[in-house]
Amino acid sequence: IEDNCTISTSIICSEVSLKSNTKILEGCVVGYDVVIGPEIEVPTETKIYKKFEDEYNEVKSPCHNIDLGENGVGYKWVFEEDSDVNNSLIYKPKKIKFTPKVVKEEKIELTLDEKFKLEIEDIISRFHNSQLEHIILEITSTKLKFNRQFIDCATACFPTSFKPIKEFIEDNLDNIKSEDIKNEIKKKIQEAFSTWSELFMNFIGNNDDENIEFLFGIQEYCEKDRTKVIFDYFSFIVEDLLKQDILPSSTVLLWAEELSLMSDDEEDDVLTKNILDQCNSIILNLKASKNNEDDFLSYLSDD
């Protein structure tokens, strides 16, 4: 994005180039690899994409049906029934073409929540943590697309951040009770939060009522873990969230209070009791320190 460009509540995909003095008005979507400008104003609610097959053919005029400037590359997208999928707005081409096998089975429709979480996972997987600004920008766009809250973004980021830990556990199930393995799991948990703390904190605010949803999301992830190993490290996860200032102590106390009131069925009672037993010393020390995180973090360091 060059100097003096303006983008107003629009979505810009990867590898887009906006030349100087380009204006993107409200409600636009600019697809992969499009080039716009210089000195171009894109009207409101315009969708622009690139015909990727042009990448392999000689095309004298890369623009069609819209003025994108002297350096412009792209087409104004118009919905047409039975149009080629390769010309869709969101299609990202691959040089190797293949014909997928047709499997006759009942189509599984994903819920909006499942689609949202999958898109967040895809965004984080495509970037290294050194490109944090790009990750935050794309996640924010996805938040607007699905009409989600910031805390929903933080919760959706968690499973991907713990993917290396889950893989390590599954590779070492035979020796999972070894002290060396236990210490390595704790080390990897600390590394995960250290790597992604800025990402989490970007979407976690000061509202404890919202923030407990993040902690409940982590709890649900641990409870649903196939190996049941991560569940045993839940209290360590909570400790590290506090140590790295990702969550305030007031959020943990409110979460514990709400958790103690839950008793939907007998199975939930067992899981709830287990979680509370794990975190009992943390909760007691937080209460004793009267929500003073400095005192509690000092306790953790001594421990």
C-alpha atoms as a PDB file:
ATOM      1  CA  ILE A   1       0.000   0.000   0.000  1.00  0.00           C
ATOM      2  CA  GLU A   2       1.712   3.168  -1.201  1.00  0.00           C
ATOM      3  CA  ASP A   3       1.435   6.757   0.097  1.00  0.00           C
ATOM      4  CA  ASN A   4      -1.854   8.667   0.454  1.00  0.00           C
ATOM      5  CA  CYS A   5      -4.105   5.644   0.012  1.00  0.00           C
ATOM      6  CA  THR A   6      -7.499   5.516   1.744  1.00  0.00           C
ATOM      7  CA  ILE A   7      -9.385   2.305   2.580  1.00  0.00           C
ATOM      8  CA  SER A   8     -12.875   2.672   4.075  1.00  0.00           C
ATOM      9  CA  THR A   9     -14.452  -0.407   5.740  1.00  0.00           C
ATOM     10  CA  SER A  10     -13.446  -2.742   2.932  1.00  0.00           C
ATOM     11  CA  ILE A  11     -11.737  -6.143   2.698  1.00  0.00           C
ATOM     12  CA  ILE A  12      -8.334  -6.362   1.011  1.00  0.00           C
ATOM     13  CA  CYS A  13      -6.975  -9.857   0.259  1.00  0.00           C
ATOM     14  CA  SER A  14      -3.341 -11.012   0.248  1.00  0.00           C
ATOM     15  CA  GLU A  15      -0.803  -9.814  -2.350  1.00  0.00           C
ATOM     16  CA  VAL A  16      -2.910  -6.778  -3.348  1.00  0.00           C
ATOM     17  CA  SER A  17      -1.003  -3.689  -4.541  1.00  0.00           C
ATOM     18  CA  LEU A  18      -2.518  -0.221  -4.085  1.00  0.00           C
ATOM     19  CA  LYS A  19      -0.558   2.504  -5.876  1.00  0.00           C
ATOM     20  CA  SER A  20      -0.293   6.079  -4.574  1.00  0.00           C
ATOM     21  CA  ASN A  21      -3.431   8.212  -4.067  1.00  0.00           C
ATOM     22  CA  THR A  22      -5.790   5.256  -4.439  1.00  0.00           C
ATOM     23  CA  LYS A  23      -9.146   5.420  -2.660  1.00  0.00           C
ATOM     24  CA  ILE A  24     -11.202   2.325  -1.800  1.00  0.00           C
ATOM     25  CA  LEU A  25     -14.689   3.448  -0.767  1.00  0.00           C
ATOM     26  CA  GLU A  26     -17.034   1.651   1.642  1.00  0.00           C
ATOM     27  CA  GLY A  27     -18.070  -1.971   1.199  1.00  0.00           C
ATOM     28  CA  CYS A  28     -15.501  -3.002  -1.406  1.00  0.00           C
ATOM     29  CA  VAL A  29     -13.777  -6.373  -1.688  1.00  0.00           C
ATOM     30  CA  VAL A  30     -10.409  -6.529  -3.483  1.00  0.00           C
ATOM     31  CA  GLY A  31      -9.365 -10.093  -4.359  1.00  0.00           C
ATOM     32  CA  TYR A  32      -5.958 -11.767  -4.430  1.00  0.00           C
ATOM     33  CA  ASP A  33      -3.147 -10.224  -6.559  1.00  0.00           C
ATOM     34  CA  VAL A  34      -5.186  -7.248  -7.816  1.00  0.00           C
ATOM     35  CA  VAL A  35      -3.270  -4.030  -8.650  1.00  0.00           C
ATOM     36  CA  ILE A  36      -5.050  -0.649  -8.447  1.00  0.00           C
ATOM     37  CA  GLY A  37      -3.777   2.838  -9.220  1.00  0.00           C
ATOM     38  CA  PRO A  38      -2.298   5.272  -9.140  1.00  0.00           C
ATOM     39  CA  GLU A  39      -4.869   8.071  -8.774  1.00  0.00           C
ATOM     40  CA  ILE A  40      -7.903   5.764  -8.805  1.00  0.00           C
ATOM     41  CA  GLU A  41     -11.106   5.896  -6.743  1.00  0.00           C
ATOM     42  CA  VAL A  42     -12.995   2.593  -6.493  1.00  0.00           C
ATOM     43  CA  PRO A  43     -16.780   3.138  -6.068  1.00  0.00           C
ATOM     44  CA  THR A  44     -18.662   1.809  -3.062  1.00  0.00           C
ATOM     45  CA  GLU A  45     -19.529  -1.920  -2.900  1.00  0.00           C
ATOM     46  CA  THR A  46     -17.302  -2.801  -5.862  1.00  0.00           C
ATOM     47  CA  LYS A  47     -15.786  -6.263  -6.006  1.00  0.00           C
ATOM     48  CA  ILE A  48     -12.559  -6.683  -7.963  1.00  0.00           C
ATOM     49  CA  TYR A  49     -10.735  -9.919  -8.743  1.00  0.00           C
ATOM     50  CA  LYS A  50      -7.988 -11.263 -10.991  1.00  0.00           C
ATOM     51  CA  LYS A  51      -8.579 -13.866 -13.679  1.00  0.00           C
ATOM     52  CA  PHE A  52      -5.777 -16.168 -12.722  1.00  0.00           C
ATOM     53  CA  GLU A  53      -5.665 -18.018 -16.019  1.00  0.00           C
ATOM     54  CA  ASP A  54      -4.332 -14.759 -17.504  1.00  0.00           C
ATOM     55  CA  GLU A  55      -1.195 -15.435 -15.485  1.00  0.00           C
ATOM     56  CA  TYR A  56      -0.221 -18.198 -17.918  1.00  0.00           C
ATOM     57  CA  ASN A  57      -1.343 -16.596 -21.176  1.00  0.00           C
ATOM     58  CA  GLU A  58      -0.275 -13.484 -23.048  1.00  0.00           C
ATOM     59  CA  VAL A  59      -2.908 -10.848 -22.356  1.00  0.00           C
ATOM     60  CA  LYS A  60      -2.328  -7.361 -23.701  1.00  0.00           C
ATOM     61  CA  SER A  61      -4.943  -5.669 -21.530  1.00  0.00           C
ATOM     62  CA  PRO A  62      -5.061  -7.067 -17.978  1.00  0.00           C
ATOM     63  CA  CYS A  63      -8.058  -4.898 -17.030  1.00  0.00           C
ATOM     64  CA  HIS A  64     -11.651  -5.270 -18.096  1.00  0.00           C
ATOM     65  CA  ASN A  65     -14.924  -3.413 -17.446  1.00  0.00           C
ATOM     66  CA  ILE A  66     -13.401  -1.081 -14.813  1.00  0.00           C
ATOM     67  CA  ASP A  67     -10.676   1.585 -14.790  1.00  0.00           C
ATOM     68  CA  LEU A  68      -7.966   0.511 -12.335  1.00  0.00           C
ATOM     69  CA  GLY A  69      -5.279   2.958 -13.531  1.00  0.00           C
ATOM     70  CA  GLU A  70      -2.233   2.679 -15.747  1.00  0.00           C
ATOM     71  CA  ASN A  71      -0.749  -0.119 -13.615  1.00  0.00           C
ATOM     72  CA  GLY A  72      -4.078  -1.770 -12.872  1.00  0.00           C
ATOM     73  CA  VAL A  73      -4.621  -5.510 -12.957  1.00  0.00           C
ATOM     74  CA  GLY A  74      -8.065  -6.885 -12.227  1.00  0.00           C
ATOM     75  CA  TYR A  75     -11.701  -7.234 -13.241  1.00  0.00           C
ATOM     76  CA  LYS A  76     -14.935  -5.982 -11.790  1.00  0.00           C
ATOM     77  CA  TRP A  77     -16.682  -9.069 -10.471  1.00  0.00           C
ATOM     78  CA  VAL A  78     -20.289  -9.579 -11.560  1.00  0.00           C
ATOM     79  CA  PHE A  79     -22.301 -12.534 -10.332  1.00  0.00           C
ATOM     80  CA  GLU A  80     -23.357 -14.876 -13.098  1.00  0.00           C
ATOM     81  CA  GLU A  81     -25.107 -18.191 -12.637  1.00  0.00           C
ATOM     82  CA  ASP A  82     -23.111 -21.222 -13.844  1.00  0.00           C
ATOM     83  CA  SER A  83     -19.936 -19.102 -13.963  1.00  0.00           C
ATOM     84  CA  ASP A  84     -16.524 -20.792 -13.946  1.00  0.00           C
ATOM     85  CA  VAL A  85     -15.342 -21.408 -10.374  1.00  0.00           C
ATOM     86  CA  ASN A  86     -11.840 -20.297 -11.446  1.00  0.00           C
ATOM     87  CA  ASN A  87     -13.216 -16.794 -11.971  1.00  0.00           C
ATOM     88  CA  SER A  88     -14.848 -16.508  -8.562  1.00  0.00           C
ATOM     89  CA  LEU A  89     -13.883 -13.611  -6.348  1.00  0.00           C
ATOM     90  CA  ILE A  90     -12.182 -15.717  -3.679  1.00  0.00           C
ATOM     91  CA  TYR A  91     -10.482 -18.368  -5.830  1.00  0.00           C
ATOM     92  CA  LYS A  92      -6.731 -18.717  -5.174  1.00  0.00           C
ATOM     93  CA  PRO A  93      -5.145 -20.712  -8.037  1.00  0.00           C
ATOM     94  CA  LYS A  94      -2.673 -23.549  -7.837  1.00  0.00           C
ATOM     95  CA  LYS A  95      -0.272 -24.331 -10.671  1.00  0.00           C
ATOM     96  CA  ILE A  96      -0.997 -28.059 -10.306  1.00  0.00           C
ATOM     97  CA  LYS A  97      -4.527 -28.778 -11.434  1.00  0.00           C
ATOM     98  CA  PHE A  98      -6.330 -31.913 -10.412  1.00  0.00           C
ATOM     99  CA  THR A  99      -9.807 -33.385 -10.603  1.00  0.00           C
ATOM    100  CA  PRO A 100     -11.151 -34.250  -7.154  1.00  0.00           C
ATOM    101  CA  LYS A 101     -12.781 -37.608  -6.620  1.00  0.00           C
ATOM    102  CA  VAL A 102     -16.529 -37.461  -6.227  1.00  0.00           C
ATOM    103  CA  VAL A 103     -17.618 -39.180  -3.043  1.00  0.00           C
ATOM    104  CA  LYS A 104     -21.303 -39.846  -2.773  1.00  0.00           C
ATOM    105  CA  GLU A 105     -22.209 -39.118   0.786  1.00  0.00           C
ATOM    106  CA  GLU A 106     -24.409 -36.792   2.730  1.00  0.00           C
ATOM    107  CA  LYS A 107     -23.105 -33.255   2.663  1.00  0.00           C
ATOM    108  CA  ILE A 108     -22.166 -31.936   6.098  1.00  0.00           C
ATOM    109  CA  GLU A 109     -23.170 -28.322   6.591  1.00  0.00           C
ATOM    110  CA  LEU A 110     -20.883 -26.395   8.914  1.00  0.00           C
ATOM    111  CA  THR A 111     -22.389 -23.944  11.364  1.00  0.00           C
ATOM    112  CA  LEU A 112     -21.376 -20.278  11.195  1.00  0.00           C
ATOM    113  CA  ASP A 113     -19.362 -20.757  14.377  1.00  0.00           C
ATOM    114  CA  GLU A 114     -17.470 -23.697  12.841  1.00  0.00           C
ATOM    115  CA  LYS A 115     -16.787 -21.725   9.656  1.00  0.00           C
ATOM    116  CA  PHE A 116     -15.533 -18.775  11.723  1.00  0.00           C
ATOM    117  CA  LYS A 117     -13.125 -20.961  13.719  1.00  0.00           C
ATOM    118  CA  LEU A 118     -11.834 -22.671  10.562  1.00  0.00           C
ATOM    119  CA  GLU A 119     -11.101 -19.315   8.916  1.00  0.00           C
ATOM    120  CA  ILE A 120      -9.224 -18.106  12.011  1.00  0.00           C
ATOM    121  CA  GLU A 121      -7.184 -21.318  12.046  1.00  0.00           C
ATOM    122  CA  ASP A 122      -6.372 -20.875   8.349  1.00  0.00           C
ATOM    123  CA  ILE A 123      -5.227 -17.266   8.886  1.00  0.00           C
ATOM    124  CA  ILE A 124      -2.837 -18.157  11.716  1.00  0.00           C
ATOM    125  CA  SER A 125      -1.532 -21.207   9.848  1.00  0.00           C
ATOM    126  CA  ARG A 126      -0.657 -19.102   6.796  1.00  0.00           C
ATOM    127  CA  PHE A 127       1.492 -16.634   8.708  1.00  0.00           C
ATOM    128  CA  HIS A 128       4.480 -16.867  11.009  1.00  0.00           C
ATOM    129  CA  ASN A 129       4.117 -15.023  14.310  1.00  0.00           C
ATOM    130  CA  SER A 130       6.601 -12.419  12.996  1.00  0.00           C
ATOM    131  CA  GLN A 131       3.794 -11.246  10.698  1.00  0.00           C
ATOM    132  CA  LEU A 132       1.497 -10.487  13.628  1.00  0.00           C
ATOM    133  CA  GLU A 133       0.128  -7.275  12.114  1.00  0.00           C
ATOM    134  CA  HIS A 134      -1.097  -9.191   9.062  1.00  0.00           C
ATOM    135  CA  ILE A 135      -2.707 -11.842  11.273  1.00  0.00           C
ATOM    136  CA  ILE A 136      -4.541  -9.243  13.380  1.00  0.00           C
ATOM    137  CA  LEU A 137      -5.730  -7.401  10.251  1.00  0.00           C
ATOM    138  CA  GLU A 138      -7.130 -10.547   8.635  1.00  0.00           C
ATOM    139  CA  ILE A 139      -8.717 -11.805  11.855  1.00  0.00           C
ATOM    140  CA  THR A 140     -10.374  -8.400  12.342  1.00  0.00           C
ATOM    141  CA  SER A 141     -11.786  -8.621   8.803  1.00  0.00           C
ATOM    142  CA  THR A 142     -13.091 -12.126   9.565  1.00  0.00           C
ATOM    143  CA  LYS A 143     -14.650 -10.817  12.791  1.00  0.00           C
ATOM    144  CA  LEU A 144     -16.600  -8.222  10.773  1.00  0.00           C
ATOM    145  CA  LYS A 145     -17.560 -10.819   8.177  1.00  0.00           C
ATOM    146  CA  PHE A 146     -19.095 -13.145  10.788  1.00  0.00           C
ATOM    147  CA  ASN A 147     -20.327 -10.358  13.096  1.00  0.00           C
ATOM    148  CA  ARG A 148     -18.363 -11.726  16.072  1.00  0.00           C
ATOM    149  CA  GLN A 149     -16.989 -10.093  19.226  1.00  0.00           C
ATOM    150  CA  PHE A 150     -13.293  -9.481  19.887  1.00  0.00           C
ATOM    151  CA  ILE A 151     -13.280 -12.103  22.649  1.00  0.00           C
ATOM    152  CA  ASP A 152     -14.607 -14.660  20.115  1.00  0.00           C
ATOM    153  CA  CYS A 153     -11.456 -14.011  18.061  1.00  0.00           C
ATOM    154  CA  ALA A 154      -9.202 -14.669  21.057  1.00  0.00           C
ATOM    155  CA  THR A 155     -11.033 -17.921  21.827  1.00  0.00           C
ATOM    156  CA  ALA A 156     -10.844 -19.072  18.202  1.00  0.00           C
ATOM    157  CA  CYS A 157      -7.062 -18.413  18.127  1.00  0.00           C
ATOM    158  CA  PHE A 158      -6.334 -20.712  21.072  1.00  0.00           C
ATOM    159  CA  PRO A 159      -6.586 -24.185  19.425  1.00  0.00           C
ATOM    160  CA  THR A 160      -4.101 -23.251  16.682  1.00  0.00           C
ATOM    161  CA  SER A 161      -1.621 -21.852  19.205  1.00  0.00           C
ATOM    162  CA  PHE A 162      -1.747 -25.193  21.069  1.00  0.00           C
ATOM    163  CA  LYS A 163      -1.394 -27.353  17.955  1.00  0.00           C
ATOM    164  CA  PRO A 164       2.358 -28.062  18.501  1.00  0.00           C
ATOM    165  CA  ILE A 165       1.617 -29.101  22.097  1.00  0.00           C
ATOM    166  CA  LYS A 166      -1.134 -31.466  21.001  1.00  0.00           C
ATOM    167  CA  GLU A 167       1.144 -33.021  18.355  1.00  0.00           C
ATOM    168  CA  PHE A 168       3.957 -33.460  20.903  1.00  0.00           C
ATOM    169  CA  ILE A 169       1.589 -35.199  23.339  1.00  0.00           C
ATOM    170  CA  GLU A 170       0.248 -37.571  20.667  1.00  0.00           C
ATOM    171  CA  ASP A 171       3.821 -38.465  19.651  1.00  0.00           C
ATOM    172  CA  ASN A 172       4.783 -39.265  23.255  1.00  0.00           C
ATOM    173  CA  LEU A 173       1.720 -40.996  24.681  1.00  0.00           C
ATOM    174  CA  ASP A 174       3.731 -44.081  25.620  1.00  0.00           C
ATOM    175  CA  ASN A 175       5.927 -42.016  27.957  1.00  0.00           C
ATOM    176  CA  ILE A 176       3.416 -39.367  28.950  1.00  0.00           C
ATOM    177  CA  LYS A 177       4.021 -39.924  32.694  1.00  0.00           C
ATOM    178  CA  SER A 178       7.751 -39.379  32.370  1.00  0.00           C
ATOM    179  CA  GLU A 179       8.993 -36.333  34.271  1.00  0.00           C
ATOM    180  CA  ASP A 180      10.992 -35.235  31.229  1.00  0.00           C
ATOM    181  CA  ILE A 181       7.869 -35.331  29.056  1.00  0.00           C
ATOM    182  CA  LYS A 182       5.811 -33.505  31.688  1.00  0.00           C
ATOM    183  CA  ASN A 183       8.411 -30.758  31.933  1.00  0.00           C
ATOM    184  CA  GLU A 184       8.583 -30.483  28.141  1.00  0.00           C
ATOM    185  CA  ILE A 185       4.790 -30.086  27.929  1.00  0.00           C
ATOM    186  CA  LYS A 186       4.923 -27.261  30.486  1.00  0.00           C
ATOM    187  CA  LYS A 187       7.763 -25.638  28.568  1.00  0.00           C
ATOM    188  CA  LYS A 188       5.778 -25.794  25.327  1.00  0.00           C
ATOM    189  CA  ILE A 189       2.715 -24.263  27.025  1.00  0.00           C
ATOM    190  CA  GLN A 190       4.854 -21.341  28.211  1.00  0.00           C
ATOM    191  CA  GLU A 191       6.354 -20.967  24.741  1.00  0.00           C
ATOM    192  CA  ALA A 192       2.900 -20.950  23.134  1.00  0.00           C
ATOM    193  CA  PHE A 193       1.639 -18.138  25.335  1.00  0.00           C
ATOM    194  CA  SER A 194       4.914 -16.234  24.977  1.00  0.00           C
ATOM    195  CA  THR A 195       4.695 -16.496  21.178  1.00  0.00           C
ATOM    196  CA  TRP A 196       1.040 -15.553  20.853  1.00  0.00           C
ATOM    197  CA  SER A 197       0.418 -13.376  23.937  1.00  0.00           C
ATOM    198  CA  GLU A 198       0.301 -10.186  21.867  1.00  0.00           C
ATOM    199  CA  LEU A 199      -2.273 -11.749  19.554  1.00  0.00           C
ATOM    200  CA  PHE A 200      -4.491 -12.840  22.462  1.00  0.00           C
ATOM    201  CA  MET A 201      -4.168  -9.500  24.255  1.00  0.00           C
ATOM    202  CA  ASN A 202      -5.129  -7.614  21.085  1.00  0.00           C
ATOM    203  CA  PHE A 203      -8.595  -9.210  21.298  1.00  0.00           C
ATOM    204  CA  ILE A 204      -8.969  -9.397  25.094  1.00  0.00           C
ATOM    205  CA  GLY A 205     -10.365  -6.260  26.717  1.00  0.00           C
ATOM    206  CA  ASN A 206     -11.015  -5.147  30.296  1.00  0.00           C
ATOM    207  CA  ASN A 207     -14.508  -6.607  30.609  1.00  0.00           C
ATOM    208  CA  ASP A 208     -14.338  -9.614  32.959  1.00  0.00           C
ATOM    209  CA  ASP A 209     -17.835 -10.754  31.911  1.00  0.00           C
ATOM    210  CA  GLU A 210     -16.550 -11.122  28.336  1.00  0.00           C
ATOM    211  CA  ASN A 211     -13.083 -12.365  29.249  1.00  0.00           C
ATOM    212  CA  ILE A 212     -14.391 -15.384  31.127  1.00  0.00           C
ATOM    213  CA  GLU A 213     -15.699 -16.628  27.766  1.00  0.00           C
ATOM    214  CA  PHE A 214     -12.052 -16.954  26.721  1.00  0.00           C
ATOM    215  CA  LEU A 215     -11.286 -19.018  29.820  1.00  0.00           C
ATOM    216  CA  PHE A 216     -14.397 -21.157  29.344  1.00  0.00           C
ATOM    217  CA  GLY A 217     -13.291 -21.689  25.739  1.00  0.00           C
ATOM    218  CA  ILE A 218      -9.892 -22.972  26.911  1.00  0.00           C
ATOM    219  CA  GLN A 219     -11.639 -25.183  29.470  1.00  0.00           C
ATOM    220  CA  GLU A 220     -13.870 -26.679  26.760  1.00  0.00           C
ATOM    221  CA  TYR A 221     -10.836 -27.308  24.541  1.00  0.00           C
ATOM    222  CA  CYS A 222      -9.054 -29.155  27.362  1.00  0.00           C
ATOM    223  CA  GLU A 223     -12.142 -31.210  28.227  1.00  0.00           C
ATOM    224  CA  LYS A 224     -12.645 -32.303  24.612  1.00  0.00           C
ATOM    225  CA  ASP A 225      -9.003 -33.262  24.053  1.00  0.00           C
ATOM    226  CA  ARG A 226      -8.941 -36.835  22.736  1.00  0.00           C
ATOM    227  CA  THR A 227      -5.887 -37.846  24.764  1.00  0.00           C
ATOM    228  CA  LYS A 228      -7.251 -36.299  28.020  1.00  0.00           C
ATOM    229  CA  VAL A 229      -3.665 -35.174  28.719  1.00  0.00           C
ATOM    230  CA  ILE A 230      -4.056 -31.419  28.175  1.00  0.00           C
ATOM    231  CA  PHE A 231      -6.945 -31.483  30.664  1.00  0.00           C
ATOM    232  CA  ASP A 232      -4.460 -32.399  33.421  1.00  0.00           C
ATOM    233  CA  TYR A 233      -2.478 -29.219  32.670  1.00  0.00           C
ATOM    234  CA  PHE A 234      -5.419 -26.842  32.901  1.00  0.00           C
ATOM    235  CA  SER A 235      -4.286 -25.276  36.199  1.00  0.00           C
ATOM    236  CA  PHE A 236      -0.802 -24.763  34.735  1.00  0.00           C
ATOM    237  CA  ILE A 237      -2.410 -23.030  31.730  1.00  0.00           C
ATOM    238  CA  VAL A 238      -4.326 -20.697  34.060  1.00  0.00           C
ATOM    239  CA  GLU A 239      -1.129 -19.945  36.010  1.00  0.00           C
ATOM    240  CA  ASP A 240       0.703 -19.010  32.831  1.00  0.00           C
ATOM    241  CA  LEU A 241      -2.164 -16.828  31.601  1.00  0.00           C
ATOM    242  CA  LEU A 242      -1.743 -14.859  34.830  1.00  0.00           C
ATOM    243  CA  LYS A 243       2.063 -14.842  34.735  1.00  0.00           C
ATOM    244  CA  GLN A 244       2.158 -13.464  31.210  1.00  0.00           C
ATOM    245  CA  ASP A 245      -0.553 -10.857  31.949  1.00  0.00           C
ATOM    246  CA  ILE A 246      -2.863 -12.249  29.289  1.00  0.00           C
ATOM    247  CA  LEU A 247      -5.761 -12.416  31.769  1.00  0.00           C
ATOM    248  CA  PRO A 248      -6.258 -10.418  34.999  1.00  0.00           C
ATOM    249  CA  SER A 249      -6.872 -12.201  38.288  1.00  0.00           C
ATOM    250  CA  SER A 250     -10.401 -10.718  38.477  1.00  0.00           C
ATOM    251  CA  THR A 251     -11.360 -12.726  35.369  1.00  0.00           C
ATOM    252  CA  VAL A 252     -10.101 -15.979  36.908  1.00  0.00           C
ATOM    253  CA  LEU A 253     -12.021 -15.344  40.138  1.00  0.00           C
ATOM    254  CA  LEU A 254     -15.250 -14.562  38.250  1.00  0.00           C
ATOM    255  CA  TRP A 255     -14.786 -17.672  36.103  1.00  0.00           C
ATOM    256  CA  ALA A 256     -14.305 -19.825  39.251  1.00  0.00           C
ATOM    257  CA  GLU A 257     -17.422 -18.328  40.821  1.00  0.00           C
ATOM    258  CA  GLU A 258     -19.573 -19.094  37.759  1.00  0.00           C
ATOM    259  CA  LEU A 259     -18.070 -22.550  37.392  1.00  0.00           C
ATOM    260  CA  SER A 260     -18.941 -23.451  40.971  1.00  0.00           C
ATOM    261  CA  LEU A 261     -22.611 -22.702  40.233  1.00  0.00           C
ATOM    262  CA  MET A 262     -22.789 -25.011  37.219  1.00  0.00           C
ATOM    263  CA  SER A 263     -24.375 -28.436  37.631  1.00  0.00           C
ATOM    264  CA  ASP A 264     -26.122 -29.392  34.390  1.00  0.00           C
ATOM    265  CA  ASP A 265     -25.743 -33.136  34.764  1.00  0.00           C
ATOM    266  CA  GLU A 266     -23.712 -35.749  36.591  1.00  0.00           C
ATOM    267  CA  GLU A 267     -20.887 -35.819  34.002  1.00  0.00           C
ATOM    268  CA  ASP A 268     -20.526 -32.040  34.107  1.00  0.00           C
ATOM    269  CA  ASP A 269     -20.421 -32.207  37.902  1.00  0.00           C
ATOM    270  CA  VAL A 270     -17.398 -34.534  37.741  1.00  0.00           C
ATOM    271  CA  LEU A 271     -15.560 -32.380  35.193  1.00  0.00           C
ATOM    272  CA  THR A 272     -16.388 -29.189  37.074  1.00  0.00           C
ATOM    273  CA  LYS A 273     -15.172 -30.642  40.367  1.00  0.00           C
ATOM    274  CA  ASN A 274     -11.956 -31.827  38.729  1.00  0.00           C
ATOM    275  CA  ILE A 275     -11.282 -28.400  37.219  1.00  0.00           C
ATOM    276  CA  LEU A 276     -11.993 -26.614  40.498  1.00  0.00           C
ATOM    277  CA  ASP A 277      -9.792 -29.070  42.414  1.00  0.00           C
ATOM    278  CA  GLN A 278      -6.959 -28.413  39.967  1.00  0.00           C
ATOM    279  CA  CYS A 279      -7.267 -24.647  40.361  1.00  0.00           C
ATOM    280  CA  ASN A 280      -8.073 -24.635  44.086  1.00  0.00           C
ATOM    281  CA  SER A 281      -4.675 -23.323  45.249  1.00  0.00           C
ATOM    282  CA  ILE A 282      -4.713 -20.614  42.545  1.00  0.00           C
ATOM    283  CA  ILE A 283      -8.193 -19.439  43.538  1.00  0.00           C
ATOM    284  CA  LEU A 284      -7.396 -19.446  47.258  1.00  0.00           C
ATOM    285  CA  ASN A 285      -4.234 -17.409  46.755  1.00  0.00           C
ATOM    286  CA  LEU A 286      -6.005 -14.941  44.468  1.00  0.00           C
ATOM    287  CA  LYS A 287      -8.698 -14.429  47.103  1.00  0.00           C
ATOM    288  CA  ALA A 288      -6.118 -14.127  49.866  1.00  0.00           C
ATOM    289  CA  SER A 289      -4.200 -11.484  47.976  1.00  0.00           C
ATOM    290  CA  LYS A 290      -7.453  -9.545  47.452  1.00  0.00           C
ATOM    291  CA  ASN A 291      -7.114  -9.517  43.672  1.00  0.00           C
ATOM    292  CA  ASN A 292      -3.566  -8.156  43.922  1.00  0.00           C
ATOM    293  CA  GLU A 293      -1.860  -9.808  40.945  1.00  0.00           C
ATOM    294  CA  ASP A 294       1.645  -8.719  42.017  1.00  0.00           C
ATOM    295  CA  ASP A 295       1.355 -10.687  45.251  1.00  0.00           C
ATOM    296  CA  PHE A 296       0.024 -13.710  43.416  1.00  0.00           C
ATOM    297  CA  LEU A 297       2.691 -13.644  40.711  1.00  0.00           C
ATOM    298  CA  SER A 298       5.281 -13.419  43.450  1.00  0.00           C
ATOM    299  CA  TYR A 299       3.709 -16.553  44.956  1.00  0.00           C
ATOM    300  CA  LEU A 300       3.933 -18.316  41.587  1.00  0.00           C
ATOM    301  CA  SER A 301       7.606 -17.390  41.224  1.00  0.00           C
ATOM    302  CA  ASP A 302       8.407 -18.700  44.691  1.00  0.00           C
ATOM    303  CA  ASP A 303       6.505 -21.878  43.922  1.00  0.00           C
END
